[in-house]
Amino acid sequence: MTQPAKNAAPYDSPRATILLALALSATLAWACHQGPPPETSGIPGFEPTIQSVPIGKDEHFSVIDSNEVVVASRDRSLIGGIFLLIDDAQLPYRRYFQKLPPRTAVAMLLQPGDSIAMDSVIRASKAPIVVYEHVTVPRDAAGNPLPIARFLVVSVRNKVARKWVLAEDTAGGPPIPDWILAGATQLVTGFPSAGARNAQLASQMNDLIPIDTLIKMSINENAIPSGVSGDVGLGGLQRRDQRGRPVGLPQTPPKRLPRENVAALEAASLMEFMWAREGRGIVRRIAEVTRRGEPLSVALAQTQSLPHDVPGLEAAWKASLAPPKNTDKKGDKKPPEKPRGNK
């Protein structure tokens, strides 16, 4: 028997709802397929908000703007690692200068017109520190692009750290001396390690520059180690992969470095020595005193745990570079241990 028409609704209503849901899903899937690909950082566990800014009809560049850091590039695979690099570098800067660095923008340029295309976004960020990095993507023999994050890190980090330190020079007067720029840049970037730096200096004790001479020297930006392949080799360093694992040959003994490279390492070692003993504020205080044209001894006179004159500071710092002697509890030198043979 045919059912009444009034009873048809309970059966047709779920069927209509299902058809409507399927149509809506298909519409959304089509829209997502037609739209831009989802923006991701490419770094597991790090998914910041990435804005997409159109360059032309079919091109766009990506921007991360967070934590006082702005990074932009047409290749979004570049921006996540650079953002984390600069974001992490704020901590050592704050440690040594007792405040956060100024807002910073980095534009990663892959094509000639990128700087013009990104200019409005960089200016709109109102970042007082701006770094334009021209990127050349290395390729293998087959022409395939190679990962370049490691190469970008060493190039960008020194530029950003140096501009951060230069930003301290806001009170007028003489500019910040080169030895402070060289030393503080290495402290902020964390390269080279304190152990490698001091091992290199300890191997060239006769080449060390008197502090009175060092603070007046001109130290070229290229003399500050950055970790790129063109750097003058440092003893005690070993190439590592992206996970920090040693790669290649074991550590090599230190090589003799030119005078200007020694000066750059010495500046960082000396500043780190003072900070380790005096603590917060010493690096910033030294920068302020020397920028006013006053001698280093003025800053030393205000310290609690450092010698109050330059000769005393120099003697204590040099003593810290020398490796500890092999002595027993009474202070007598121990004879070298004989190798144990097989019984």
Protein backbone atom coordinates (compact mmCIF):
# COMPACT_ATOMS: atom_id res chain seq x y z
CA MET A 1 0.00 0.00 0.00
CA THR A 2 1.31 3.43 -0.87
CA GLN A 3 2.26 5.58 2.14
CA PRO A 4 0.53 8.93 2.57
CA ALA A 5 2.42 11.93 1.39
CA LYS A 6 2.42 13.43 4.88
CA ASN A 7 4.56 10.49 6.10
CA ALA A 8 7.21 11.01 3.41
CA ALA A 9 8.92 13.90 5.23
CA PRO A 10 10.49 11.83 8.09
CA TYR A 11 12.23 9.62 5.52
CA ASP A 12 13.25 12.40 3.07
CA SER A 13 14.58 14.84 5.69
CA PRO A 14 17.71 12.80 6.73
CA ARG A 15 18.39 12.03 3.09
CA ALA A 16 18.28 15.74 2.22
CA THR A 17 20.56 16.59 5.16
CA ILE A 18 23.13 14.04 3.98
CA LEU A 19 23.01 15.35 0.42
CA LEU A 20 23.42 18.94 1.68
CA ALA A 21 26.43 17.96 3.84
CA LEU A 22 28.06 16.16 0.90
CA ALA A 23 27.54 19.18 -1.33
CA LEU A 24 29.00 21.51 1.31
CA SER A 25 32.05 19.25 1.80
CA ALA A 26 32.63 19.11 -1.94
CA THR A 27 32.38 22.90 -2.18
CA LEU A 28 34.88 23.40 0.66
CA ALA A 29 37.28 20.85 -0.82
CA TRP A 30 37.09 22.59 -4.20
CA ALA A 31 37.70 25.98 -2.58
CA CYS A 32 40.71 24.71 -0.62
CA HIS A 33 42.10 23.08 -3.74
CA GLN A 34 41.76 26.32 -5.69
CA GLY A 35 43.24 28.51 -2.90
CA PRO A 36 46.89 28.90 -1.85
CA PRO A 37 48.62 25.96 -0.15
CA PRO A 38 48.53 25.90 3.66
CA GLU A 39 51.34 28.00 5.16
CA THR A 40 53.65 26.04 7.43
CA SER A 41 57.11 26.68 8.83
CA GLY A 42 58.48 23.29 7.80
CA ILE A 43 59.85 22.85 11.33
CA PRO A 44 58.16 20.11 13.43
CA GLY A 45 56.47 21.57 16.48
CA PHE A 46 56.86 25.16 15.28
CA GLU A 47 53.80 26.46 13.48
CA PRO A 48 53.61 30.25 13.80
CA THR A 49 51.06 32.45 12.03
CA ILE A 50 52.44 33.08 8.54
CA GLN A 51 50.93 35.85 6.48
CA SER A 52 50.80 35.64 2.70
CA VAL A 53 51.37 38.91 0.83
CA PRO A 54 50.77 38.95 -2.96
CA ILE A 55 53.60 40.13 -5.21
CA GLY A 56 51.85 39.70 -8.54
CA LYS A 57 49.03 37.74 -10.08
CA ASP A 58 50.42 34.29 -9.26
CA GLU A 59 53.20 35.09 -6.76
CA HIS A 60 53.34 35.93 -3.09
CA PHE A 61 55.84 36.11 -0.25
CA SER A 62 55.43 34.88 3.30
CA VAL A 63 55.90 36.86 6.52
CA ILE A 64 56.27 35.89 10.18
CA ASP A 65 55.69 38.79 12.59
CA SER A 66 55.94 37.76 16.23
CA ASN A 67 57.96 38.46 19.39
CA GLU A 68 59.46 41.68 17.99
CA VAL A 69 60.89 39.73 15.04
CA VAL A 70 59.77 40.00 11.40
CA VAL A 71 61.06 37.67 8.66
CA ALA A 72 59.91 37.79 5.03
CA SER A 73 60.75 35.76 1.91
CA ARG A 74 59.12 34.42 -1.23
CA ASP A 75 60.40 30.99 -0.12
CA ARG A 76 58.52 30.22 3.09
CA SER A 77 60.86 27.31 3.88
CA LEU A 78 63.54 29.90 4.76
CA ILE A 79 61.69 32.03 7.25
CA GLY A 80 61.01 29.58 10.10
CA GLY A 81 64.66 28.83 10.86
CA ILE A 82 65.72 32.48 10.62
CA PHE A 83 62.87 33.53 12.91
CA LEU A 84 63.90 31.00 15.56
CA LEU A 85 67.53 32.09 15.23
CA ILE A 86 66.76 35.74 15.94
CA ASP A 87 64.15 34.95 18.57
CA ASP A 88 66.64 32.77 20.48
CA ALA A 89 69.39 35.40 20.16
CA GLN A 90 67.31 37.83 22.22
CA LEU A 91 68.15 35.85 25.37
CA PRO A 92 71.97 36.27 25.30
CA TYR A 93 71.55 39.91 24.28
CA ARG A 94 69.35 40.49 27.31
CA ARG A 95 71.86 38.62 29.48
CA TYR A 96 74.72 40.94 28.54
CA PHE A 97 72.89 44.25 28.00
CA GLN A 98 70.09 43.86 30.58
CA LYS A 99 67.30 44.65 28.13
CA LEU A 100 65.68 43.17 25.04
CA PRO A 101 67.05 44.16 21.62
CA PRO A 102 65.02 46.46 19.37
CA ARG A 103 62.40 45.13 16.98
CA THR A 104 64.17 43.48 14.05
CA ALA A 105 63.13 42.69 10.47
CA VAL A 106 64.99 40.38 8.07
CA ALA A 107 64.12 40.22 4.35
CA MET A 108 65.41 37.14 2.51
CA LEU A 109 65.89 38.17 -1.12
CA LEU A 110 65.96 35.50 -3.84
CA GLN A 111 65.18 37.57 -6.94
CA PRO A 112 66.25 41.09 -7.99
CA GLY A 113 62.80 42.61 -7.49
CA ASP A 114 62.16 41.13 -4.05
CA SER A 115 63.50 44.09 -2.08
CA ILE A 116 61.06 46.47 -3.79
CA ALA A 117 58.16 44.05 -3.35
CA MET A 118 58.89 43.62 0.37
CA ASP A 119 59.73 47.25 1.06
CA SER A 120 56.20 48.28 2.07
CA VAL A 121 55.90 45.37 4.51
CA ILE A 122 59.33 46.02 6.05
CA ARG A 123 58.57 49.76 6.45
CA ALA A 124 55.13 48.97 7.90
CA SER A 125 56.78 46.76 10.54
CA LYS A 126 58.43 49.91 12.01
CA ALA A 127 61.46 47.83 12.94
CA PRO A 128 64.50 50.04 13.67
CA ILE A 129 66.82 47.12 12.84
CA VAL A 130 66.50 45.92 9.23
CA VAL A 131 68.71 43.33 7.50
CA TYR A 132 68.40 42.53 3.79
CA GLU A 133 69.98 39.17 3.02
CA HIS A 134 70.62 38.24 -0.62
CA VAL A 135 70.24 34.49 -0.86
CA THR A 136 71.82 32.30 -3.54
CA VAL A 137 70.38 28.79 -3.36
CA PRO A 138 73.14 26.19 -3.84
CA ARG A 139 72.30 23.27 -6.12
CA ASP A 140 73.65 19.78 -6.62
CA ALA A 141 75.05 18.36 -9.88
CA ALA A 142 71.53 17.60 -11.10
CA GLY A 143 70.39 21.17 -10.45
CA ASN A 144 68.26 20.34 -7.41
CA PRO A 145 68.24 22.97 -4.63
CA LEU A 146 70.13 22.04 -1.46
CA PRO A 147 69.08 22.88 2.11
CA ILE A 148 70.63 26.23 2.96
CA ALA A 149 69.40 26.94 6.49
CA ARG A 150 72.86 26.29 8.00
CA PHE A 151 74.53 28.71 5.60
CA LEU A 152 71.93 31.40 6.23
CA VAL A 153 72.23 31.12 10.00
CA VAL A 154 75.92 32.00 10.10
CA SER A 155 75.44 34.86 7.65
CA VAL A 156 72.39 36.49 9.25
CA ARG A 157 73.24 36.02 12.93
CA ASN A 158 76.39 38.15 12.82
CA LYS A 159 74.67 40.94 10.89
CA VAL A 160 71.76 41.06 13.33
CA ALA A 161 73.96 40.85 16.44
CA ARG A 162 76.28 43.58 15.16
CA LYS A 163 73.34 45.90 14.42
CA TRP A 164 71.89 45.20 17.85
CA VAL A 165 75.15 46.26 19.49
CA LEU A 166 75.40 49.32 17.25
CA ALA A 167 71.87 50.25 18.32
CA GLU A 168 73.28 50.80 21.81
CA ASP A 169 75.06 53.85 20.38
CA THR A 170 72.12 56.22 20.87
CA ALA A 171 73.47 58.78 23.34
CA GLY A 172 75.80 60.58 20.94
CA GLY A 173 79.49 61.05 21.55
CA PRO A 174 82.20 58.80 20.12
CA PRO A 175 81.02 55.58 18.42
CA ILE A 176 81.26 52.22 20.15
CA PRO A 177 84.86 50.95 19.78
CA ASP A 178 85.55 48.05 17.44
CA TRP A 179 86.72 45.75 20.24
CA ILE A 180 83.34 46.03 21.97
CA LEU A 181 81.51 45.41 18.68
CA ALA A 182 83.68 42.36 17.95
CA GLY A 183 83.41 40.95 21.46
CA ALA A 184 79.70 41.54 22.04
CA THR A 185 78.79 40.16 18.60
CA GLN A 186 80.41 36.85 19.48
CA LEU A 187 78.76 36.77 22.91
CA VAL A 188 75.31 37.27 21.37
CA THR A 189 75.76 34.73 18.56
CA GLY A 190 77.49 32.18 20.78
CA PHE A 191 80.10 31.49 18.11
CA PRO A 192 82.77 30.36 18.50
CA SER A 193 82.40 28.51 21.79
CA ALA A 194 84.33 29.85 24.77
CA GLY A 195 86.42 26.68 24.87
CA ALA A 196 87.47 26.90 21.22
CA ARG A 197 88.14 30.62 21.47
CA ASN A 198 90.31 30.35 24.59
CA ALA A 199 92.16 27.31 23.26
CA GLN A 200 93.09 29.31 20.17
CA LEU A 201 94.29 32.26 22.27
CA ALA A 202 96.21 30.00 24.64
CA SER A 203 98.09 28.58 21.65
CA GLN A 204 99.16 32.13 20.69
CA MET A 205 100.10 33.57 24.08
CA ASN A 206 103.07 35.41 22.56
CA ASP A 207 100.77 37.03 19.97
CA LEU A 208 98.23 38.39 22.44
CA ILE A 209 97.64 42.11 22.16
CA PRO A 210 97.97 44.35 25.25
CA ILE A 211 94.56 45.57 26.39
CA ASP A 212 95.61 49.22 26.12
CA THR A 213 96.36 48.56 22.43
CA LEU A 214 93.33 46.34 21.82
CA ILE A 215 90.79 48.95 22.91
CA LYS A 216 92.21 51.41 20.34
CA MET A 217 92.49 48.95 17.43
CA SER A 218 90.44 48.95 14.27
CA ILE A 219 88.90 45.48 13.85
CA ASN A 220 87.28 44.77 10.51
CA GLU A 221 83.85 43.13 10.53
CA ASN A 222 85.26 40.27 8.43
CA ALA A 223 87.70 39.40 11.23
CA ILE A 224 84.84 38.39 13.51
CA PRO A 225 84.33 34.61 13.13
CA SER A 226 80.91 33.62 11.85
CA GLY A 227 81.24 29.93 11.05
CA VAL A 228 81.14 30.11 7.25
CA SER A 229 83.62 28.17 5.14
CA GLY A 230 85.62 31.32 4.36
CA ASP A 231 86.43 31.94 8.01
CA VAL A 232 89.98 31.65 9.26
CA GLY A 233 90.10 28.19 10.85
CA LEU A 234 89.93 27.96 14.61
CA GLY A 235 91.52 25.14 16.53
CA GLY A 236 89.23 22.98 18.63
CA LEU A 237 86.29 23.34 16.23
CA GLN A 238 84.62 20.50 14.38
CA ARG A 239 81.94 20.64 11.72
CA ARG A 240 78.55 19.39 12.90
CA ASP A 241 75.34 18.43 11.16
CA GLN A 242 71.91 19.99 11.70
CA ARG A 243 71.39 17.85 14.81
CA GLY A 244 74.68 18.89 16.36
CA ARG A 245 76.48 15.59 15.73
CA PRO A 246 80.21 15.67 14.84
CA VAL A 247 80.91 15.26 11.14
CA GLY A 248 84.18 14.52 9.38
CA LEU A 249 87.65 14.52 10.87
CA PRO A 250 88.25 15.00 14.60
CA GLN A 251 89.28 18.36 16.02
CA THR A 252 92.49 19.79 14.67
CA PRO A 253 95.13 21.64 16.68
CA PRO A 254 94.93 25.46 16.56
CA LYS A 255 96.57 27.25 13.65
CA ARG A 256 98.30 30.59 14.00
CA LEU A 257 95.83 33.37 13.17
CA PRO A 258 96.57 36.87 11.84
CA ARG A 259 96.74 39.75 14.30
CA GLU A 260 93.28 41.17 13.53
CA ASN A 261 91.61 37.78 14.00
CA VAL A 262 93.43 37.37 17.31
CA ALA A 263 92.15 40.81 18.33
CA ALA A 264 88.54 39.82 17.59
CA LEU A 265 88.83 36.61 19.62
CA GLU A 266 90.65 38.39 22.42
CA ALA A 267 87.90 41.00 22.67
CA ALA A 268 85.21 38.35 23.17
CA SER A 269 87.33 36.34 25.60
CA LEU A 270 88.09 39.42 27.69
CA MET A 271 84.45 40.54 27.81
CA GLU A 272 83.31 37.04 28.72
CA PHE A 273 85.97 36.87 31.48
CA MET A 274 84.70 40.13 32.99
CA TRP A 275 81.03 39.15 32.73
CA ALA A 276 81.61 35.72 34.31
CA ARG A 277 83.18 37.37 37.40
CA GLU A 278 81.21 40.60 37.66
CA GLY A 279 77.84 39.52 36.30
CA ARG A 280 74.98 41.63 35.09
CA GLY A 281 75.54 45.07 33.69
CA ILE A 282 79.32 44.95 33.14
CA VAL A 283 79.17 44.72 29.33
CA ARG A 284 76.66 47.53 29.06
CA ARG A 285 78.64 49.63 31.55
CA ILE A 286 81.86 49.18 29.55
CA ALA A 287 80.05 50.18 26.35
CA GLU A 288 78.67 53.32 27.98
CA VAL A 289 81.99 54.35 29.56
CA THR A 290 84.06 53.86 26.41
CA ARG A 291 81.42 55.55 24.24
CA ARG A 292 81.78 58.64 26.41
CA GLY A 293 85.49 58.59 25.67
CA GLU A 294 86.46 57.59 29.23
CA PRO A 295 89.18 54.98 29.89
CA LEU A 296 88.36 51.36 30.68
CA SER A 297 89.72 51.87 34.21
CA VAL A 298 86.65 54.02 35.00
CA ALA A 299 84.39 51.01 34.48
CA LEU A 300 86.80 48.72 36.35
CA ALA A 301 86.82 51.07 39.36
CA GLN A 302 83.09 50.40 39.82
CA THR A 303 83.40 46.60 39.85
CA GLN A 304 83.26 44.29 42.86
CA SER A 305 85.06 41.17 41.59
CA LEU A 306 87.59 42.48 39.07
CA PRO A 307 90.96 44.24 39.40
CA HIS A 308 90.47 47.99 39.37
CA ASP A 309 93.25 48.69 36.86
CA VAL A 310 93.99 47.48 33.34
CA PRO A 311 97.35 45.76 34.12
CA GLY A 312 95.71 43.74 36.90
CA LEU A 313 92.80 42.77 34.60
CA GLU A 314 95.19 41.70 31.87
CA ALA A 315 97.24 39.51 34.22
CA ALA A 316 94.14 37.81 35.64
CA TRP A 317 92.63 37.25 32.20
CA LYS A 318 95.84 35.75 30.76
CA ALA A 319 96.13 33.43 33.76
CA SER A 320 92.62 32.13 32.98
CA LEU A 321 93.72 31.08 29.49
CA ALA A 322 96.54 28.84 30.71
CA PRO A 323 95.44 25.22 31.28
CA PRO A 324 95.66 24.04 34.91
CA LYS A 325 98.92 22.37 35.83
CA ASN A 326 99.04 18.70 36.71
CA THR A 327 99.64 18.96 40.48
CA ASP A 328 98.82 16.89 43.54
CA LYS A 329 97.05 18.17 46.66
CA LYS A 330 100.31 19.59 48.12
CA GLY A 331 100.96 21.63 44.99
CA ASP A 332 103.86 19.46 43.78
CA LYS A 333 103.92 18.53 40.12
CA LYS A 334 102.81 14.99 39.49
CA PRO A 335 105.04 12.69 37.44
CA PRO A 336 103.39 11.48 34.23
CA GLU A 337 101.55 8.22 34.62
CA LYS A 338 103.11 5.18 32.99
CA PRO A 339 100.95 3.39 30.45
CA ARG A 340 99.49 0.20 31.81
CA GLY A 341 100.54 -2.86 29.89
CA ASN A 342 98.57 -6.05 29.47
CA LYS A 343 99.19 -8.57 32.22
